[in-house]
Protein backbone atom coordinates (compact mmCIF):
# COMPACT_ATOMS: atom_id res chain seq x y z
CA MET A 1 0.00 0.03 0.01
CA CYS A 2 1.30 3.51 -0.90
CA ASP A 3 1.60 6.36 1.61
CA CYS A 4 0.79 9.11 -0.83
CA ASN A 5 1.68 11.95 1.63
CA GLU A 6 5.36 11.05 1.62
CA LEU A 7 7.65 11.93 -1.24
CA THR A 8 11.29 10.76 -1.31
CA LEU A 9 13.72 12.45 -3.64
CA PRO A 10 17.26 11.13 -4.36
CA ILE A 11 20.14 13.18 -2.93
CA GLY A 12 22.76 14.17 -5.45
CA PRO A 13 26.45 14.68 -4.92
CA GLN A 14 27.66 17.70 -2.87
CA GLY A 15 29.14 20.60 -4.86
CA PRO A 16 32.82 21.75 -4.63
CA GLN A 17 33.99 23.90 -1.70
CA GLY A 18 34.03 27.64 -2.42
CA VAL A 19 37.23 29.72 -2.67
CA ALA A 20 38.64 30.93 0.72
CA GLY A 21 38.37 34.70 1.18
CA ILE A 22 40.71 37.01 3.18
CA ASN A 23 38.44 36.95 6.17
CA GLY A 24 38.03 33.15 6.37
CA THR A 25 36.68 30.12 4.59
CA ASN A 26 33.61 30.70 2.52
CA GLY A 27 30.76 28.26 2.29
CA SER A 28 29.91 26.03 -0.70
CA ASN A 29 28.69 29.00 -2.77
CA GLY A 30 30.94 31.60 -1.30
CA THR A 31 29.87 34.81 0.46
CA ASN A 32 29.64 36.99 -2.56
CA GLY A 33 28.37 34.68 -5.31
CA THR A 34 28.98 31.40 -7.06
CA ASN A 35 32.69 31.87 -7.39
CA GLY A 36 33.27 32.71 -3.75
CA ALA A 37 34.77 36.15 -4.48
CA PRO A 38 36.58 37.21 -1.32
CA GLY A 39 35.32 40.09 0.80
CA MET A 40 37.07 42.16 3.39
CA ALA A 41 35.35 43.41 6.57
CA TRP A 42 38.44 44.05 8.76
CA TYR A 43 41.88 42.67 9.25
CA SER A 44 44.29 43.45 12.08
CA LEU A 45 48.11 43.38 11.79
CA ASP A 46 49.80 42.55 15.10
CA LEU A 47 52.85 44.81 15.17
CA ASP A 48 55.45 45.57 17.80
CA TYR A 49 57.70 48.28 16.40
CA TYR A 50 59.10 51.67 17.57
CA VAL A 51 61.16 54.55 16.26
CA SER A 52 63.58 56.43 18.51
CA GLY A 53 63.90 60.20 18.56
CA GLY A 54 66.89 61.98 17.10
CA ASP A 55 66.60 60.26 13.72
CA THR A 56 67.25 62.48 10.73
CA HIS A 57 64.44 60.98 8.61
CA PRO A 58 61.03 62.41 9.27
CA TYR A 59 59.21 59.16 8.57
CA THR A 60 60.72 55.65 9.14
CA GLU A 61 59.27 52.48 7.64
CA VAL A 62 58.53 49.85 10.30
CA ALA A 63 56.50 47.29 8.33
CA LYS A 64 55.11 46.41 4.90
CA PHE A 65 52.05 44.43 3.90
CA ILE A 66 50.45 43.40 0.63
CA TYR A 67 47.04 44.86 -0.30
CA PRO A 68 45.20 42.72 -2.90
CA GLY A 69 43.68 45.73 -4.64
CA SER A 70 40.06 47.07 -4.76
CA SER A 71 39.33 44.94 -7.87
CA ASN A 72 40.01 41.81 -5.76
CA VAL A 73 38.56 42.79 -2.32
CA THR A 74 36.35 45.52 -0.94
CA ALA A 75 38.25 48.77 -0.79
CA ILE A 76 39.68 50.02 2.51
CA THR A 77 37.44 52.57 4.21
CA LYS A 78 39.20 53.07 7.57
CA LEU A 79 42.57 52.54 9.26
CA TYR A 80 43.06 52.45 12.99
CA ALA A 81 46.32 51.99 14.96
CA ILE A 82 47.46 51.53 18.52
CA LEU A 83 50.02 54.34 18.73
CA TYR A 84 51.78 55.83 21.80
CA THR A 85 54.93 57.57 23.01
CA THR A 86 57.22 56.91 25.96
CA ASP A 87 56.85 60.49 27.22
CA THR A 88 54.37 63.38 26.80
CA GLY A 89 57.08 65.86 25.69
CA PHE A 90 57.01 64.91 21.99
CA THR A 91 54.58 63.55 19.38
CA GLY A 92 54.27 60.47 17.27
CA LYS A 93 52.52 60.11 13.93
CA VAL A 94 51.80 57.24 11.59
CA ARG A 95 50.96 56.97 7.88
CA VAL A 96 50.41 54.29 5.29
CA ILE A 97 51.71 54.71 1.76
CA ASP A 98 51.43 52.75 -1.48
CA GLN A 99 55.05 52.01 -2.58
CA THR A 100 53.96 50.26 -5.73
CA HIS A 101 52.31 53.39 -7.04
CA GLY A 102 54.77 56.16 -6.43
CA ASP A 103 54.43 56.41 -2.60
CA ALA A 104 50.91 57.67 -2.80
CA VAL A 105 49.59 58.48 0.67
CA ILE A 106 46.71 56.08 1.59
CA ALA A 107 46.12 57.55 5.14
CA ASP A 108 48.10 60.00 7.30
CA PHE A 109 47.55 60.67 11.02
CA THR A 110 48.87 64.27 10.86
CA THR A 111 47.55 65.47 14.29
CA GLY A 112 50.08 63.30 16.23
CA THR A 113 49.74 61.85 19.72
CA SER A 114 51.69 62.39 22.96
CA SER A 115 49.67 59.65 24.80
CA THR A 116 51.72 57.23 26.86
CA SER A 117 48.90 54.77 27.08
CA ASN A 118 49.60 51.49 25.25
CA LEU A 119 45.81 51.29 24.67
CA ASN A 120 45.70 54.56 22.66
CA ILE A 121 43.63 53.85 19.48
CA ILE A 122 43.92 56.46 16.74
CA ASP A 123 42.00 56.90 13.50
CA LEU A 124 44.34 57.53 10.62
CA GLY A 125 41.72 59.80 8.94
CA ALA A 126 40.59 60.10 5.41
CA ILE A 127 41.43 57.19 3.03
CA SER A 128 42.53 58.04 -0.52
CA ASN A 129 44.48 56.64 -3.49
CA ILE A 130 43.28 53.04 -3.04
CA PRO A 131 44.77 51.03 -5.94
CA ALA A 132 42.68 48.56 -7.96
CA SER A 133 45.60 46.12 -8.37
CA ILE A 134 47.82 44.30 -5.87
CA SER A 135 50.24 46.65 -4.15
CA VAL A 136 52.84 46.89 -1.40
CA PHE A 137 51.85 49.19 1.39
CA SER A 138 54.36 50.70 3.85
CA ILE A 139 53.60 51.60 7.48
CA GLN A 140 55.68 54.53 8.58
CA LEU A 141 56.25 56.28 11.93
CA TYR A 142 57.21 59.88 12.66
CA ASN A 143 58.92 60.91 15.94
CA SER A 144 59.34 64.55 16.85
CA GLY A 145 61.52 63.72 19.87
CA SER A 146 65.13 64.81 19.89
CA LEU A 147 66.45 62.18 22.34
CA ARG A 148 67.10 58.48 21.57
CA SER A 149 64.99 57.64 24.64
CA ASN A 150 61.96 59.38 22.99
CA GLU A 151 60.14 56.44 21.40
CA VAL A 152 56.98 56.20 19.25
CA HIS A 153 55.42 52.69 19.40
CA ILE A 154 52.90 51.06 17.10
CA LYS A 155 51.33 47.78 18.35
CA SER A 156 48.64 47.16 15.86
CA LEU A 157 47.06 48.37 12.61
CA MET A 158 43.40 47.54 11.82
CA ILE A 159 42.33 47.67 8.21
CA SER A 160 38.53 48.02 7.68
CA SER A 161 36.14 48.05 4.80
CA TYR A 162 32.97 48.64 6.66
């Protein structure tokens, strides 16, 4: 006898895994479509660098990172850093530049900080000159201190596309 209220359908094979994005593994169809195009919500670089005072160069490179380009991921909209100094008598600044495209300034914290708190989060300000193609970005620190004991520290850089 047939139970006509029950319908059984065969289960087909599972599809291939989607492409992994910058912010983690995507599901079977990907987060942004059938090809699993990567997105970018935020990414944090764990840094532990400092620049001493008395240096003759106004900005000193402390790190580099590769940016995939806005044609490959969502464009950067904000940059934040943990930035502080060892004393309140001088200021520290940070900027990010695109070395691949003629040292174009991506963001520049021009105000400067004299905070000695290692929890001091700063907003690097307006974002500009975002390249469409893969590029090498440079993180640079500025120290206005005249003594070698005057240090500007960067502990983290958060890259956001919210």
